[in-house]
Amino acid sequence: MPKLIGNKKTFLVVGLGRFGRAVCERLVELGDSVIAVDKVRARIEEITDKVDVAAQMDATDEEALKKIGAKEVDGAIVAIGSNIEASILATTLLVGMEVPYVAARANSAIHARVLARMGAQKVFFPERDFGFKVAEQVSKPALSNFIELPGSDFLIGEIASREEMVDKTLAELEFRNRYNAVVLLIKRGTDKFIPRADTRLGREDKLIVAAYREDLDKLIE
């Protein structure tokens, strides 16, 4: 098992198709340790130099998962594509091992419901989700500044101070009630600070806010 360094986490990625490889590569870019597994040898050879551990194995084999260190990881992503049975079995085994966070790829609504019932905290549809993001970025470019917290519809991101906010305090705006959002941080030039109720907003301020997706229309144009 790779050792944790500081806040570095270790993730197990099961299934190394195009989506699984992209997950591995991004996790490594973010500074995390990655254990990558797949039944296909060629896929292992493609990823072996990019991750901490790469192993050719059957992720529906409980003993094999334990040997690779699945019980010690911080999270697992089951990225298996077309083999629905393997996807469900691997997810069930990882949940049974009490992996703290298990996310799984689904190919259909029924597949997603089964994965959720098996205990997956996050079920995703890569093609659909990517399509949604493209549509949002075209329609509302400001949404690209937001990230969604795992397992929720709660987003955190940056907005510019709107005209109606300029030269008013958060208290005067009744910001939380008016926008159903919370200002976590203000960026003013090169300065960053946590605001108070009496913080007065400037025209060039950038606000780091947290809000539910359904309320973002109140904050972005």
C-alpha atoms as a PDB file:
ATOM      1  CA  MET A   1       0.000   0.000   0.000  1.00  0.00           C
ATOM      2  CA  PRO A   2       1.268   3.521  -0.742  1.00  0.00           C
ATOM      3  CA  LYS A   3       1.898   5.563   2.400  1.00  0.00           C
ATOM      4  CA  LEU A   4      -0.134   8.680   3.006  1.00  0.00           C
ATOM      5  CA  ILE A   5       1.848  11.936   2.919  1.00  0.00           C
ATOM      6  CA  GLY A   6       0.247  14.873   4.717  1.00  0.00           C
ATOM      7  CA  ASN A   7      -3.303  15.247   3.404  1.00  0.00           C
ATOM      8  CA  LYS A   8      -2.636  12.898   0.523  1.00  0.00           C
ATOM      9  CA  LYS A   9      -5.377  10.313   0.065  1.00  0.00           C
ATOM     10  CA  THR A  10      -5.371   6.903  -1.542  1.00  0.00           C
ATOM     11  CA  PHE A  11      -8.055   5.904  -4.047  1.00  0.00           C
ATOM     12  CA  LEU A  12      -8.834   2.611  -5.730  1.00  0.00           C
ATOM     13  CA  VAL A  13     -10.035   2.895  -9.329  1.00  0.00           C
ATOM     14  CA  VAL A  14     -11.704  -0.210 -10.749  1.00  0.00           C
ATOM     15  CA  GLY A  15     -11.991  -0.376 -14.537  1.00  0.00           C
ATOM     16  CA  LEU A  16      -9.513   1.372 -16.822  1.00  0.00           C
ATOM     17  CA  GLY A  17     -11.423   2.281 -19.937  1.00  0.00           C
ATOM     18  CA  ARG A  18     -11.174   5.877 -21.167  1.00  0.00           C
ATOM     19  CA  PHE A  19     -13.216   7.139 -18.227  1.00  0.00           C
ATOM     20  CA  GLY A  20     -11.329   5.152 -15.590  1.00  0.00           C
ATOM     21  CA  ARG A  21      -7.953   6.258 -16.980  1.00  0.00           C
ATOM     22  CA  ALA A  22      -9.087   9.886 -16.918  1.00  0.00           C
ATOM     23  CA  VAL A  23     -10.110   9.507 -13.259  1.00  0.00           C
ATOM     24  CA  CYS A  24      -6.714   8.021 -12.407  1.00  0.00           C
ATOM     25  CA  GLU A  25      -4.774  10.734 -14.195  1.00  0.00           C
ATOM     26  CA  ARG A  26      -6.748  13.533 -12.587  1.00  0.00           C
ATOM     27  CA  LEU A  27      -6.398  12.075  -9.087  1.00  0.00           C
ATOM     28  CA  VAL A  28      -2.631  11.898  -9.584  1.00  0.00           C
ATOM     29  CA  GLU A  29      -2.601  15.525 -10.786  1.00  0.00           C
ATOM     30  CA  LEU A  30      -4.454  16.454  -7.583  1.00  0.00           C
ATOM     31  CA  GLY A  31      -1.692  14.854  -5.532  1.00  0.00           C
ATOM     32  CA  ASP A  32      -3.421  11.664  -4.443  1.00  0.00           C
ATOM     33  CA  SER A  33      -2.199   8.073  -4.505  1.00  0.00           C
ATOM     34  CA  VAL A  34      -3.960   5.759  -6.938  1.00  0.00           C
ATOM     35  CA  ILE A  35      -4.360   1.993  -7.055  1.00  0.00           C
ATOM     36  CA  ALA A  36      -5.651   1.072 -10.517  1.00  0.00           C
ATOM     37  CA  VAL A  37      -7.070  -2.356 -11.372  1.00  0.00           C
ATOM     38  CA  ASP A  38      -8.502  -3.998 -14.471  1.00  0.00           C
ATOM     39  CA  LYS A  39      -8.834  -7.510 -15.898  1.00  0.00           C
ATOM     40  CA  VAL A  40      -7.269  -6.474 -19.213  1.00  0.00           C
ATOM     41  CA  ARG A  41      -3.469  -6.576 -19.253  1.00  0.00           C
ATOM     42  CA  ALA A  42      -3.115  -3.986 -22.011  1.00  0.00           C
ATOM     43  CA  ARG A  43      -4.976  -1.404 -19.934  1.00  0.00           C
ATOM     44  CA  ILE A  44      -2.690  -2.039 -16.963  1.00  0.00           C
ATOM     45  CA  GLU A  45       0.372  -1.538 -19.155  1.00  0.00           C
ATOM     46  CA  GLU A  46      -0.996   1.818 -20.355  1.00  0.00           C
ATOM     47  CA  ILE A  47      -1.458   3.197 -16.826  1.00  0.00           C
ATOM     48  CA  THR A  48       1.314   1.516 -14.823  1.00  0.00           C
ATOM     49  CA  ASP A  49       3.790   4.422 -15.096  1.00  0.00           C
ATOM     50  CA  LYS A  50       1.182   6.999 -14.106  1.00  0.00           C
ATOM     51  CA  VAL A  51      -0.161   5.580 -10.825  1.00  0.00           C
ATOM     52  CA  ASP A  52       1.275   4.230  -7.575  1.00  0.00           C
ATOM     53  CA  VAL A  53       0.004   0.678  -8.063  1.00  0.00           C
ATOM     54  CA  ALA A  54      -1.475  -0.983 -11.171  1.00  0.00           C
ATOM     55  CA  ALA A  55      -2.694  -4.572 -11.033  1.00  0.00           C
ATOM     56  CA  GLN A  56      -4.338  -6.983 -13.436  1.00  0.00           C
ATOM     57  CA  MET A  57      -7.061  -8.646 -11.409  1.00  0.00           C
ATOM     58  CA  ASP A  58     -10.739  -9.481 -11.116  1.00  0.00           C
ATOM     59  CA  ALA A  59     -12.405  -6.835  -8.951  1.00  0.00           C
ATOM     60  CA  THR A  60     -15.275  -9.232  -8.176  1.00  0.00           C
ATOM     61  CA  ASP A  61     -12.783 -11.413  -6.245  1.00  0.00           C
ATOM     62  CA  GLU A  62     -12.977 -10.326  -2.606  1.00  0.00           C
ATOM     63  CA  GLU A  63      -9.628 -11.825  -1.628  1.00  0.00           C
ATOM     64  CA  ALA A  64      -7.895 -10.135  -4.541  1.00  0.00           C
ATOM     65  CA  LEU A  65      -9.369  -6.792  -3.477  1.00  0.00           C
ATOM     66  CA  LYS A  66      -8.118  -7.292   0.072  1.00  0.00           C
ATOM     67  CA  LYS A  67      -4.618  -8.189  -1.150  1.00  0.00           C
ATOM     68  CA  ILE A  68      -4.410  -5.039  -3.256  1.00  0.00           C
ATOM     69  CA  GLY A  69      -5.248  -2.975  -0.168  1.00  0.00           C
ATOM     70  CA  ALA A  70      -8.895  -2.086  -0.809  1.00  0.00           C
ATOM     71  CA  LYS A  71      -9.772  -2.101   2.896  1.00  0.00           C
ATOM     72  CA  GLU A  72      -7.235   0.655   3.601  1.00  0.00           C
ATOM     73  CA  VAL A  73      -8.114   3.151   0.862  1.00  0.00           C
ATOM     74  CA  ASP A  74      -9.879   6.457   1.493  1.00  0.00           C
ATOM     75  CA  GLY A  75     -12.264   5.949  -1.394  1.00  0.00           C
ATOM     76  CA  ALA A  76     -13.032   3.805  -4.418  1.00  0.00           C
ATOM     77  CA  ILE A  77     -14.375   4.604  -7.873  1.00  0.00           C
ATOM     78  CA  VAL A  78     -15.969   1.714  -9.748  1.00  0.00           C
ATOM     79  CA  ALA A  79     -15.573   2.862 -13.352  1.00  0.00           C
ATOM     80  CA  ILE A  80     -16.523  -0.428 -15.026  1.00  0.00           C
ATOM     81  CA  GLY A  81     -18.432   0.287 -18.232  1.00  0.00           C
ATOM     82  CA  SER A  82     -20.459  -2.416 -19.985  1.00  0.00           C
ATOM     83  CA  ASN A  83     -20.206  -5.303 -17.493  1.00  0.00           C
ATOM     84  CA  ILE A  84     -23.106  -4.412 -15.215  1.00  0.00           C
ATOM     85  CA  GLU A  85     -22.823  -7.566 -13.114  1.00  0.00           C
ATOM     86  CA  ALA A  86     -19.150  -6.905 -12.378  1.00  0.00           C
ATOM     87  CA  SER A  87     -19.949  -3.284 -11.571  1.00  0.00           C
ATOM     88  CA  ILE A  88     -22.585  -4.273  -9.012  1.00  0.00           C
ATOM     89  CA  LEU A  89     -20.477  -7.038  -7.446  1.00  0.00           C
ATOM     90  CA  ALA A  90     -17.371  -4.858  -7.125  1.00  0.00           C
ATOM     91  CA  THR A  91     -19.422  -2.047  -5.578  1.00  0.00           C
ATOM     92  CA  THR A  92     -21.084  -4.450  -3.127  1.00  0.00           C
ATOM     93  CA  LEU A  93     -17.737  -5.896  -2.049  1.00  0.00           C
ATOM     94  CA  LEU A  94     -16.158  -2.484  -1.500  1.00  0.00           C
ATOM     95  CA  VAL A  95     -19.140  -1.257   0.520  1.00  0.00           C
ATOM     96  CA  GLY A  96     -18.969  -4.479   2.553  1.00  0.00           C
ATOM     97  CA  MET A  97     -15.308  -3.772   3.290  1.00  0.00           C
ATOM     98  CA  GLU A  98     -16.422  -0.431   4.750  1.00  0.00           C
ATOM     99  CA  VAL A  99     -14.467   1.692   2.302  1.00  0.00           C
ATOM    100  CA  PRO A 100     -15.321   5.235   3.510  1.00  0.00           C
ATOM    101  CA  TYR A 101     -16.495   6.499   0.109  1.00  0.00           C
ATOM    102  CA  VAL A 102     -17.609   4.401  -2.851  1.00  0.00           C
ATOM    103  CA  ALA A 103     -18.665   5.976  -6.144  1.00  0.00           C
ATOM    104  CA  ALA A 104     -19.856   3.932  -9.104  1.00  0.00           C
ATOM    105  CA  ARG A 105     -20.574   4.438 -12.785  1.00  0.00           C
ATOM    106  CA  ALA A 106     -24.066   3.566 -14.042  1.00  0.00           C
ATOM    107  CA  ASN A 107     -25.277   2.851 -17.554  1.00  0.00           C
ATOM    108  CA  SER A 108     -29.016   3.124 -16.904  1.00  0.00           C
ATOM    109  CA  ALA A 109     -31.537   4.295 -14.331  1.00  0.00           C
ATOM    110  CA  ILE A 110     -32.122   0.715 -13.162  1.00  0.00           C
ATOM    111  CA  HIS A 111     -28.377   0.121 -12.847  1.00  0.00           C
ATOM    112  CA  ALA A 112     -28.100   3.341 -10.822  1.00  0.00           C
ATOM    113  CA  ARG A 113     -30.885   2.290  -8.439  1.00  0.00           C
ATOM    114  CA  VAL A 114     -29.230  -1.062  -7.818  1.00  0.00           C
ATOM    115  CA  LEU A 115     -25.853   0.565  -7.144  1.00  0.00           C
ATOM    116  CA  ALA A 116     -27.470   2.990  -4.706  1.00  0.00           C
ATOM    117  CA  ARG A 117     -29.213   0.139  -2.907  1.00  0.00           C
ATOM    118  CA  MET A 118     -25.910  -1.685  -2.653  1.00  0.00           C
ATOM    119  CA  GLY A 119     -24.578   1.316  -0.734  1.00  0.00           C
ATOM    120  CA  ALA A 120     -22.734   3.456  -3.287  1.00  0.00           C
ATOM    121  CA  GLN A 121     -22.635   7.022  -1.934  1.00  0.00           C
ATOM    122  CA  LYS A 122     -22.363   8.518  -5.407  1.00  0.00           C
ATOM    123  CA  VAL A 123     -23.697   7.137  -8.678  1.00  0.00           C
ATOM    124  CA  PHE A 124     -22.771   8.943 -11.870  1.00  0.00           C
ATOM    125  CA  PHE A 125     -23.459   8.827 -15.597  1.00  0.00           C
ATOM    126  CA  PRO A 126     -20.267  10.133 -17.303  1.00  0.00           C
ATOM    127  CA  GLU A 127     -21.777  10.837 -20.728  1.00  0.00           C
ATOM    128  CA  ARG A 128     -24.922  12.439 -19.320  1.00  0.00           C
ATOM    129  CA  ASP A 129     -23.046  14.423 -16.677  1.00  0.00           C
ATOM    130  CA  PHE A 130     -20.572  15.721 -19.255  1.00  0.00           C
ATOM    131  CA  GLY A 131     -23.467  16.705 -21.516  1.00  0.00           C
ATOM    132  CA  PHE A 132     -25.049  18.631 -18.636  1.00  0.00           C
ATOM    133  CA  LYS A 133     -21.783  20.468 -17.970  1.00  0.00           C
ATOM    134  CA  VAL A 134     -21.389  21.458 -21.615  1.00  0.00           C
ATOM    135  CA  ALA A 135     -24.964  22.771 -21.706  1.00  0.00           C
ATOM    136  CA  GLU A 136     -24.475  24.703 -18.456  1.00  0.00           C
ATOM    137  CA  GLN A 137     -21.221  26.264 -19.638  1.00  0.00           C
ATOM    138  CA  VAL A 138     -22.833  27.386 -22.884  1.00  0.00           C
ATOM    139  CA  SER A 139     -25.982  28.726 -21.212  1.00  0.00           C
ATOM    140  CA  LYS A 140     -24.442  29.989 -17.947  1.00  0.00           C
ATOM    141  CA  PRO A 141     -20.644  30.269 -18.250  1.00  0.00           C
ATOM    142  CA  ALA A 142     -20.335  31.358 -14.602  1.00  0.00           C
ATOM    143  CA  LEU A 143     -21.296  27.819 -13.540  1.00  0.00           C
ATOM    144  CA  SER A 144     -17.851  26.657 -14.654  1.00  0.00           C
ATOM    145  CA  ASN A 145     -16.507  28.440 -11.554  1.00  0.00           C
ATOM    146  CA  PHE A 146     -18.427  26.086  -9.273  1.00  0.00           C
ATOM    147  CA  ILE A 147     -17.741  22.596  -7.974  1.00  0.00           C
ATOM    148  CA  GLU A 148     -20.329  20.237  -6.530  1.00  0.00           C
ATOM    149  CA  LEU A 149     -19.705  18.674  -3.138  1.00  0.00           C
ATOM    150  CA  PRO A 150     -19.753  14.853  -3.416  1.00  0.00           C
ATOM    151  CA  GLY A 151     -23.093  13.248  -2.675  1.00  0.00           C
ATOM    152  CA  SER A 152     -25.044  16.509  -2.611  1.00  0.00           C
ATOM    153  CA  ASP A 153     -26.565  19.247  -4.740  1.00  0.00           C
ATOM    154  CA  PHE A 154     -24.498  21.830  -2.860  1.00  0.00           C
ATOM    155  CA  LEU A 155     -21.989  23.883  -4.857  1.00  0.00           C
ATOM    156  CA  ILE A 156     -19.077  26.151  -3.978  1.00  0.00           C
ATOM    157  CA  GLY A 157     -17.662  28.691  -6.387  1.00  0.00           C
ATOM    158  CA  GLU A 158     -16.720  32.258  -7.243  1.00  0.00           C
ATOM    159  CA  ILE A 159     -18.976  35.094  -8.366  1.00  0.00           C
ATOM    160  CA  ALA A 160     -18.320  38.749  -9.087  1.00  0.00           C
ATOM    161  CA  SER A 161     -19.927  41.354  -6.874  1.00  0.00           C
ATOM    162  CA  ARG A 162     -23.212  42.301  -8.526  1.00  0.00           C
ATOM    163  CA  GLU A 163     -24.368  45.882  -8.962  1.00  0.00           C
ATOM    164  CA  GLU A 164     -27.060  45.487  -6.309  1.00  0.00           C
ATOM    165  CA  MET A 165     -24.385  44.404  -3.785  1.00  0.00           C
ATOM    166  CA  VAL A 166     -21.915  47.252  -4.285  1.00  0.00           C
ATOM    167  CA  ASP A 167     -21.307  49.471  -1.249  1.00  0.00           C
ATOM    168  CA  LYS A 168     -23.665  47.438   0.944  1.00  0.00           C
ATOM    169  CA  THR A 169     -22.842  45.225   3.883  1.00  0.00           C
ATOM    170  CA  LEU A 170     -23.825  41.565   4.032  1.00  0.00           C
ATOM    171  CA  ALA A 171     -26.201  42.485   6.846  1.00  0.00           C
ATOM    172  CA  GLU A 172     -27.844  45.249   4.796  1.00  0.00           C
ATOM    173  CA  LEU A 173     -28.251  42.859   1.894  1.00  0.00           C
ATOM    174  CA  GLU A 174     -29.603  40.132   4.182  1.00  0.00           C
ATOM    175  CA  PHE A 175     -27.394  37.996   1.966  1.00  0.00           C
ATOM    176  CA  ARG A 176     -28.272  34.579   3.362  1.00  0.00           C
ATOM    177  CA  ASN A 177     -32.010  35.154   3.252  1.00  0.00           C
ATOM    178  CA  ARG A 178     -31.991  37.025  -0.053  1.00  0.00           C
ATOM    179  CA  TYR A 179     -29.885  34.548  -2.032  1.00  0.00           C
ATOM    180  CA  ASN A 180     -30.149  31.433   0.164  1.00  0.00           C
ATOM    181  CA  ALA A 181     -26.360  31.311   0.045  1.00  0.00           C
ATOM    182  CA  VAL A 182     -23.366  31.893   2.311  1.00  0.00           C
ATOM    183  CA  VAL A 183     -20.275  34.007   1.580  1.00  0.00           C
ATOM    184  CA  LEU A 184     -17.262  31.959   2.694  1.00  0.00           C
ATOM    185  CA  LEU A 185     -14.479  34.246   1.495  1.00  0.00           C
ATOM    186  CA  ILE A 186     -13.935  37.579  -0.227  1.00  0.00           C
ATOM    187  CA  LYS A 187     -11.104  38.233  -2.674  1.00  0.00           C
ATOM    188  CA  ARG A 188     -10.238  41.924  -2.895  1.00  0.00           C
ATOM    189  CA  GLY A 189      -7.255  42.544  -5.136  1.00  0.00           C
ATOM    190  CA  THR A 190      -4.462  40.405  -3.706  1.00  0.00           C
ATOM    191  CA  ASP A 191      -6.177  40.136  -0.297  1.00  0.00           C
ATOM    192  CA  LYS A 192      -8.438  37.299   0.839  1.00  0.00           C
ATOM    193  CA  PHE A 193     -10.480  37.371   4.028  1.00  0.00           C
ATOM    194  CA  ILE A 194     -13.464  35.817   5.766  1.00  0.00           C
ATOM    195  CA  PRO A 195     -16.258  38.410   5.830  1.00  0.00           C
ATOM    196  CA  ARG A 196     -18.332  39.581   8.766  1.00  0.00           C
ATOM    197  CA  ALA A 197     -21.923  40.821   8.760  1.00  0.00           C
ATOM    198  CA  ASP A 198     -20.678  44.421   8.579  1.00  0.00           C
ATOM    199  CA  THR A 199     -18.295  43.767   5.650  1.00  0.00           C
ATOM    200  CA  ARG A 200     -19.085  46.233   2.875  1.00  0.00           C
ATOM    201  CA  LEU A 201     -18.792  44.869  -0.648  1.00  0.00           C
ATOM    202  CA  GLY A 202     -16.787  46.633  -3.335  1.00  0.00           C
ATOM    203  CA  ARG A 203     -17.371  46.747  -7.086  1.00  0.00           C
ATOM    204  CA  GLU A 204     -14.283  44.628  -7.871  1.00  0.00           C
ATOM    205  CA  ASP A 205     -14.798  42.083  -5.093  1.00  0.00           C
ATOM    206  CA  LYS A 206     -14.917  38.375  -5.881  1.00  0.00           C
ATOM    207  CA  LEU A 207     -17.071  36.298  -3.550  1.00  0.00           C
ATOM    208  CA  ILE A 208     -16.562  32.622  -2.784  1.00  0.00           C
ATOM    209  CA  VAL A 209     -20.077  31.410  -2.045  1.00  0.00           C
ATOM    210  CA  ALA A 210     -21.816  28.158  -1.138  1.00  0.00           C
ATOM    211  CA  ALA A 211     -25.341  27.511  -2.352  1.00  0.00           C
ATOM    212  CA  TYR A 212     -27.697  24.841  -3.619  1.00  0.00           C
ATOM    213  CA  ARG A 213     -27.767  24.454  -7.381  1.00  0.00           C
ATOM    214  CA  GLU A 214     -31.421  25.520  -7.527  1.00  0.00           C
ATOM    215  CA  ASP A 215     -30.536  28.876  -5.954  1.00  0.00           C
ATOM    216  CA  LEU A 216     -27.610  29.801  -8.189  1.00  0.00           C
ATOM    217  CA  ASP A 217     -29.803  31.719 -10.614  1.00  0.00           C
ATOM    218  CA  LYS A 218     -30.139  34.360  -7.898  1.00  0.00           C
ATOM    219  CA  LEU A 219     -26.348  34.841  -7.938  1.00  0.00           C
ATOM    220  CA  ILE A 220     -25.235  34.376 -11.529  1.00  0.00           C
ATOM    221  CA  GLU A 221     -26.503  35.711 -14.808  1.00  0.00           C
END
